Amino acid sequence: MVRTLKRLLKMAKQEVVDASTKPDLRLRWVNTMCYITQTWNSVLRDADYEEMKREVERIEGMVSGYAKERFEQSQTDTRKSDAQV
């Protein structure tokens, strides 16, 4: 669980600093980083394992959705630039 949280936090940080990430999506990544950090702190406080597992799965779903949106955004931007050429 800790490895998963570390991986998700690293991914979120990379998206936040990426200059091509649109502001509204960047804000969602920042919010996700905050939520991951809160979850991490709960793990450190020995929270209920099953509850934490559900939260990590929920965060993974959020991150996957944001990553998919980011991919779709890059595909749209590529199509727009190809059409202008």
Protein backbone atom coordinates (compact mmCIF):
# COMPACT_ATOMS: atom_id res chain seq x y z
CA MET A 1 0.00 0.00 0.00
CA VAL A 2 2.83 2.38 0.86
CA ARG A 3 4.55 1.67 -2.46
CA THR A 4 1.32 2.40 -4.31
CA LEU A 5 0.90 5.71 -2.49
CA LYS A 6 4.51 6.67 -3.26
CA ARG A 7 4.02 5.82 -6.94
CA LEU A 8 0.77 7.81 -7.13
CA LEU A 9 2.30 10.80 -5.36
CA LYS A 10 5.31 10.78 -7.70
CA MET A 11 3.01 10.63 -10.73
CA ALA A 12 0.89 13.50 -9.43
CA LYS A 13 3.97 15.65 -8.72
CA GLN A 14 5.26 15.10 -12.25
CA GLU A 15 1.94 16.21 -13.72
CA VAL A 16 1.83 19.33 -11.54
CA VAL A 17 5.24 20.56 -12.70
CA ASP A 18 4.67 19.66 -16.36
CA ALA A 19 4.30 22.95 -18.24
CA SER A 20 1.88 21.46 -20.76
CA THR A 21 -0.70 20.51 -18.12
CA LYS A 22 -3.70 22.83 -18.37
CA PRO A 23 -4.45 24.91 -15.23
CA ASP A 24 -7.76 23.21 -14.36
CA LEU A 25 -6.18 19.77 -14.61
CA ARG A 26 -3.10 20.95 -12.67
CA LEU A 27 -5.40 22.06 -9.83
CA ARG A 28 -7.00 18.60 -9.72
CA TRP A 29 -3.53 17.02 -9.57
CA VAL A 30 -2.60 19.33 -6.66
CA ASN A 31 -5.82 18.35 -4.86
CA THR A 32 -4.97 14.70 -5.51
CA MET A 33 -1.50 15.21 -4.03
CA CYS A 34 -3.09 16.65 -0.89
CA TYR A 35 -5.47 13.72 -0.64
CA ILE A 36 -2.65 11.21 -1.12
CA THR A 37 -0.69 12.94 1.63
CA GLN A 38 -3.68 12.74 3.97
CA THR A 39 -4.05 9.06 3.18
CA TRP A 40 -0.35 8.55 3.80
CA ASN A 41 -0.68 10.20 7.20
CA SER A 42 -3.59 7.88 8.01
CA VAL A 43 -1.39 4.89 7.18
CA LEU A 44 1.22 6.22 9.59
CA ARG A 45 -1.45 6.46 12.32
CA ASP A 46 -2.30 2.76 11.90
CA ALA A 47 -5.71 3.32 10.36
CA ASP A 48 -7.96 0.38 9.60
CA TYR A 49 -6.30 -1.64 6.82
CA GLU A 50 -9.48 -2.38 4.86
CA GLU A 51 -10.54 1.25 4.96
CA MET A 52 -7.11 2.35 3.78
CA LYS A 53 -7.15 -0.23 1.00
CA ARG A 54 -10.45 1.17 -0.25
CA GLU A 55 -9.06 4.72 -0.14
CA VAL A 56 -5.93 3.73 -2.08
CA GLU A 57 -8.09 2.04 -4.72
CA ARG A 58 -10.22 5.18 -4.94
CA ILE A 59 -7.12 7.35 -5.37
CA GLU A 60 -5.81 5.01 -8.06
CA GLY A 61 -9.08 5.45 -9.91
CA MET A 62 -8.84 9.24 -9.65
CA VAL A 63 -5.26 9.27 -10.89
CA SER A 64 -6.11 6.93 -13.75
CA GLY A 65 -8.96 9.21 -14.78
CA TYR A 66 -6.73 12.28 -14.70
CA ALA A 67 -4.02 10.48 -16.66
CA LYS A 68 -6.59 9.42 -19.26
CA GLU A 69 -7.85 12.99 -19.52
CA ARG A 70 -4.25 14.21 -19.91
CA PHE A 71 -3.67 11.69 -22.70
CA GLU A 72 -6.86 12.73 -24.47
CA GLN A 73 -5.85 16.38 -24.10
CA SER A 74 -2.48 15.69 -25.73
CA GLN A 75 -4.18 13.79 -28.57
CA THR A 76 -6.56 16.70 -29.17
CA ASP A 77 -3.68 19.19 -29.11
CA THR A 78 -1.74 17.04 -31.60
CA ARG A 79 -4.73 16.87 -33.95
CA LYS A 80 -5.21 20.63 -33.75
CA SER A 81 -1.56 21.34 -34.56
CA ASP A 82 -1.64 18.82 -37.45
CA ALA A 83 -4.74 20.49 -38.87
CA GLN A 84 -3.07 23.90 -38.77
CA VAL A 85 -0.09 22.67 -40.79
